[in-house]
Amino acid sequence: MEIFLDTWVSRVGTAELLTAEPTYKPNILIRGLANLPVRFQA
């Protein structure tokens, strides 16, 4: 997985977050991002 991420990041020029503040899932025990809208540019 680490090799994949290194290769992928090197090929993607920039990643831009499309929202000012990301939304989170409502579950208290397993909390995480509901979604992460980003735009990639090579």
PDB file of N, CA and C in Angstrom:
ATOM      1  N   MET A   1       0.826  -1.190   0.000  1.00  0.00           N
ATOM      2  CA  MET A   1       0.000   0.000   0.000  1.00  0.00           C
ATOM      3  C   MET A   1       0.871   1.254   0.000  1.00  0.00           C
ATOM      4  N   GLU A   2       1.947   1.234   0.763  1.00  0.00           N
ATOM      5  CA  GLU A   2       2.822   2.406   0.837  1.00  0.00           C
ATOM      6  C   GLU A   2       3.466   2.705  -0.518  1.00  0.00           C
ATOM      7  N   ILE A   3       3.866   1.661  -1.240  1.00  0.00           N
ATOM      8  CA  ILE A   3       4.454   1.855  -2.573  1.00  0.00           C
ATOM      9  C   ILE A   3       3.419   2.429  -3.521  1.00  0.00           C
ATOM     10  N   PHE A   4       2.200   1.921  -3.447  1.00  0.00           N
ATOM     11  CA  PHE A   4       1.125   2.456  -4.288  1.00  0.00           C
ATOM     12  C   PHE A   4       0.897   3.939  -4.012  1.00  0.00           C
ATOM     13  N   LEU A   5       0.807   4.325  -2.743  1.00  0.00           N
ATOM     14  CA  LEU A   5       0.565   5.726  -2.396  1.00  0.00           C
ATOM     15  C   LEU A   5       1.713   6.624  -2.839  1.00  0.00           C
ATOM     16  N   ASP A   6       2.952   6.168  -2.672  1.00  0.00           N
ATOM     17  CA  ASP A   6       4.099   6.961  -3.124  1.00  0.00           C
ATOM     18  C   ASP A   6       4.051   7.189  -4.628  1.00  0.00           C
ATOM     19  N   THR A   7       3.745   6.144  -5.387  1.00  0.00           N
ATOM     20  CA  THR A   7       3.662   6.264  -6.843  1.00  0.00           C
ATOM     21  C   THR A   7       2.503   7.149  -7.246  1.00  0.00           C
ATOM     22  N   TRP A   8       1.372   6.961  -6.622  1.00  0.00           N
ATOM     23  CA  TRP A   8       0.176   7.740  -6.956  1.00  0.00           C
ATOM     24  C   TRP A   8       0.375   9.220  -6.659  1.00  0.00           C
ATOM     25  N   VAL A   9       0.951   9.535  -5.514  1.00  0.00           N
ATOM     26  CA  VAL A   9       1.186  10.929  -5.141  1.00  0.00           C
ATOM     27  C   VAL A   9       2.188  11.583  -6.090  1.00  0.00           C
ATOM     28  N   SER A  10       3.181  10.830  -6.534  1.00  0.00           N
ATOM     29  CA  SER A  10       4.165  11.406  -7.454  1.00  0.00           C
ATOM     30  C   SER A  10       3.554  11.694  -8.822  1.00  0.00           C
ATOM     31  N   ARG A  11       2.509  10.974  -9.211  1.00  0.00           N
ATOM     32  CA  ARG A  11       1.865  11.195 -10.511  1.00  0.00           C
ATOM     33  C   ARG A  11       0.779  12.259 -10.461  1.00  0.00           C
ATOM     34  N   VAL A  12       0.183  12.450  -9.308  1.00  0.00           N
ATOM     35  CA  VAL A  12      -0.844  13.480  -9.156  1.00  0.00           C
ATOM     36  C   VAL A  12      -0.130  14.768  -8.773  1.00  0.00           C
ATOM     37  N   GLY A  13      -0.351  15.807  -9.560  1.00  0.00           N
ATOM     38  CA  GLY A  13       0.331  17.070  -9.297  1.00  0.00           C
ATOM     39  C   GLY A  13      -0.130  17.720  -8.011  1.00  0.00           C
ATOM     40  N   THR A  14      -1.413  18.032  -7.936  1.00  0.00           N
ATOM     41  CA  THR A  14      -1.964  18.675  -6.746  1.00  0.00           C
ATOM     42  C   THR A  14      -3.333  18.102  -6.434  1.00  0.00           C
ATOM     43  N   ALA A  15      -3.715  18.193  -5.194  1.00  0.00           N
ATOM     44  CA  ALA A  15      -5.051  17.811  -4.756  1.00  0.00           C
ATOM     45  C   ALA A  15      -5.646  19.006  -4.028  1.00  0.00           C
ATOM     46  N   GLU A  16      -6.833  19.408  -4.455  1.00  0.00           N
ATOM     47  CA  GLU A  16      -7.488  20.589  -3.887  1.00  0.00           C
ATOM     48  C   GLU A  16      -8.781  20.169  -3.193  1.00  0.00           C
ATOM     49  N   LEU A  17      -8.939  20.536  -1.940  1.00  0.00           N
ATOM     50  CA  LEU A  17     -10.152  20.248  -1.189  1.00  0.00           C
ATOM     51  C   LEU A  17     -11.274  21.143  -1.696  1.00  0.00           C
ATOM     52  N   LEU A  18     -12.431  20.563  -2.006  1.00  0.00           N
ATOM     53  CA  LEU A  18     -13.526  21.318  -2.610  1.00  0.00           C
ATOM     54  C   LEU A  18     -14.516  21.882  -1.602  1.00  0.00           C
ATOM     55  N   THR A  19     -14.362  21.565  -0.334  1.00  0.00           N
ATOM     56  CA  THR A  19     -15.240  22.121   0.693  1.00  0.00           C
ATOM     57  C   THR A  19     -14.399  22.845   1.738  1.00  0.00           C
ATOM     58  N   ALA A  20     -14.998  23.826   2.377  1.00  0.00           N
ATOM     59  CA  ALA A  20     -14.276  24.577   3.403  1.00  0.00           C
ATOM     60  C   ALA A  20     -14.079  23.731   4.659  1.00  0.00           C
ATOM     61  N   GLU A  21     -15.088  22.931   5.007  1.00  0.00           N
ATOM     62  CA  GLU A  21     -15.017  22.098   6.206  1.00  0.00           C
ATOM     63  C   GLU A  21     -15.629  20.737   5.902  1.00  0.00           C
ATOM     64  N   PRO A  22     -14.855  19.641   5.986  1.00  0.00           N
ATOM     65  CA  PRO A  22     -15.389  18.317   5.690  1.00  0.00           C
ATOM     66  C   PRO A  22     -16.452  17.887   6.701  1.00  0.00           C
ATOM     67  N   THR A  23     -17.398  17.059   6.257  1.00  0.00           N
ATOM     68  CA  THR A  23     -18.448  16.547   7.138  1.00  0.00           C
ATOM     69  C   THR A  23     -18.018  15.205   7.727  1.00  0.00           C
ATOM     70  N   TYR A  24     -18.501  14.924   8.925  1.00  0.00           N
ATOM     71  CA  TYR A  24     -18.160  13.690   9.621  1.00  0.00           C
ATOM     72  C   TYR A  24     -19.389  12.808   9.779  1.00  0.00           C
ATOM     73  N   LYS A  25     -19.158  11.504   9.885  1.00  0.00           N
ATOM     74  CA  LYS A  25     -20.234  10.553  10.125  1.00  0.00           C
ATOM     75  C   LYS A  25     -20.790  10.778  11.526  1.00  0.00           C
ATOM     76  N   PRO A  26     -22.097  10.529  11.730  1.00  0.00           N
ATOM     77  CA  PRO A  26     -22.699  10.790  13.038  1.00  0.00           C
ATOM     78  C   PRO A  26     -22.386   9.731  14.104  1.00  0.00           C
ATOM     79  N   ASN A  27     -21.842   8.587  13.723  1.00  0.00           N
ATOM     80  CA  ASN A  27     -21.566   7.516  14.668  1.00  0.00           C
ATOM     81  C   ASN A  27     -20.441   7.928  15.625  1.00  0.00           C
ATOM     82  N   ILE A  28     -20.679   7.839  16.922  1.00  0.00           N
ATOM     83  CA  ILE A  28     -19.695   8.262  17.924  1.00  0.00           C
ATOM     84  C   ILE A  28     -18.560   7.243  18.059  1.00  0.00           C
ATOM     85  N   LEU A  29     -18.870   5.947  17.954  1.00  0.00           N
ATOM     86  CA  LEU A  29     -17.846   4.918  18.143  1.00  0.00           C
ATOM     87  C   LEU A  29     -16.878   4.832  16.972  1.00  0.00           C
ATOM     88  N   ILE A  30     -17.409   4.877  15.770  1.00  0.00           N
ATOM     89  CA  ILE A  30     -16.573   4.811  14.569  1.00  0.00           C
ATOM     90  C   ILE A  30     -16.757   6.121  13.824  1.00  0.00           C
ATOM     91  N   ARG A  31     -16.003   7.106  14.231  1.00  0.00           N
ATOM     92  CA  ARG A  31     -16.148   8.441  13.650  1.00  0.00           C
ATOM     93  C   ARG A  31     -15.096   8.625  12.561  1.00  0.00           C
ATOM     94  N   GLY A  32     -15.527   9.178  11.474  1.00  0.00           N
ATOM     95  CA  GLY A  32     -14.612   9.452  10.373  1.00  0.00           C
ATOM     96  C   GLY A  32     -15.279  10.374   9.378  1.00  0.00           C
ATOM     97  N   LEU A  33     -14.580  10.676   8.341  1.00  0.00           N
ATOM     98  CA  LEU A  33     -15.126  11.555   7.316  1.00  0.00           C
ATOM     99  C   LEU A  33     -16.268  10.874   6.574  1.00  0.00           C
ATOM    100  N   ALA A  34     -17.356  11.603   6.358  1.00  0.00           N
ATOM    101  CA  ALA A  34     -18.472  11.081   5.575  1.00  0.00           C
ATOM    102  C   ALA A  34     -18.086  11.036   4.103  1.00  0.00           C
ATOM    103  N   ASN A  35     -17.407  12.059   3.654  1.00  0.00           N
ATOM    104  CA  ASN A  35     -16.866  12.090   2.299  1.00  0.00           C
ATOM    105  C   ASN A  35     -15.760  13.132   2.256  1.00  0.00           C
ATOM    106  N   LEU A  36     -14.945  13.049   1.253  1.00  0.00           N
ATOM    107  CA  LEU A  36     -13.838  13.989   1.112  1.00  0.00           C
ATOM    108  C   LEU A  36     -13.743  14.395  -0.356  1.00  0.00           C
ATOM    109  N   PRO A  37     -14.507  15.419  -0.732  1.00  0.00           N
ATOM    110  CA  PRO A  37     -14.486  15.841  -2.130  1.00  0.00           C
ATOM    111  C   PRO A  37     -13.196  16.593  -2.463  1.00  0.00           C
ATOM    112  N   VAL A  38     -12.414  16.024  -3.375  1.00  0.00           N
ATOM    113  CA  VAL A  38     -11.163  16.651  -3.799  1.00  0.00           C
ATOM    114  C   VAL A  38     -11.087  16.664  -5.319  1.00  0.00           C
ATOM    115  N   ARG A  39     -10.297  17.576  -5.838  1.00  0.00           N
ATOM    116  CA  ARG A  39     -10.039  17.660  -7.279  1.00  0.00           C
ATOM    117  C   ARG A  39      -8.546  17.446  -7.474  1.00  0.00           C
ATOM    118  N   PHE A  40      -8.201  16.514  -8.368  1.00  0.00           N
ATOM    119  CA  PHE A  40      -6.802  16.212  -8.653  1.00  0.00           C
ATOM    120  C   PHE A  40      -6.410  16.824  -9.988  1.00  0.00           C
ATOM    121  N   GLN A  41      -5.212  17.379 -10.032  1.00  0.00           N
ATOM    122  CA  GLN A  41      -4.677  17.924 -11.276  1.00  0.00           C
ATOM    123  C   GLN A  41      -3.271  17.380 -11.470  1.00  0.00           C
ATOM    124  N   ALA A  42      -3.010  16.915 -12.678  1.00  0.00           N
ATOM    125  CA  ALA A  42      -1.684  16.348 -12.971  1.00  0.00           C
ATOM    126  C   ALA A  42      -0.729  17.408 -13.458  1.00  0.00           C
TER     127      ALA A  42
END
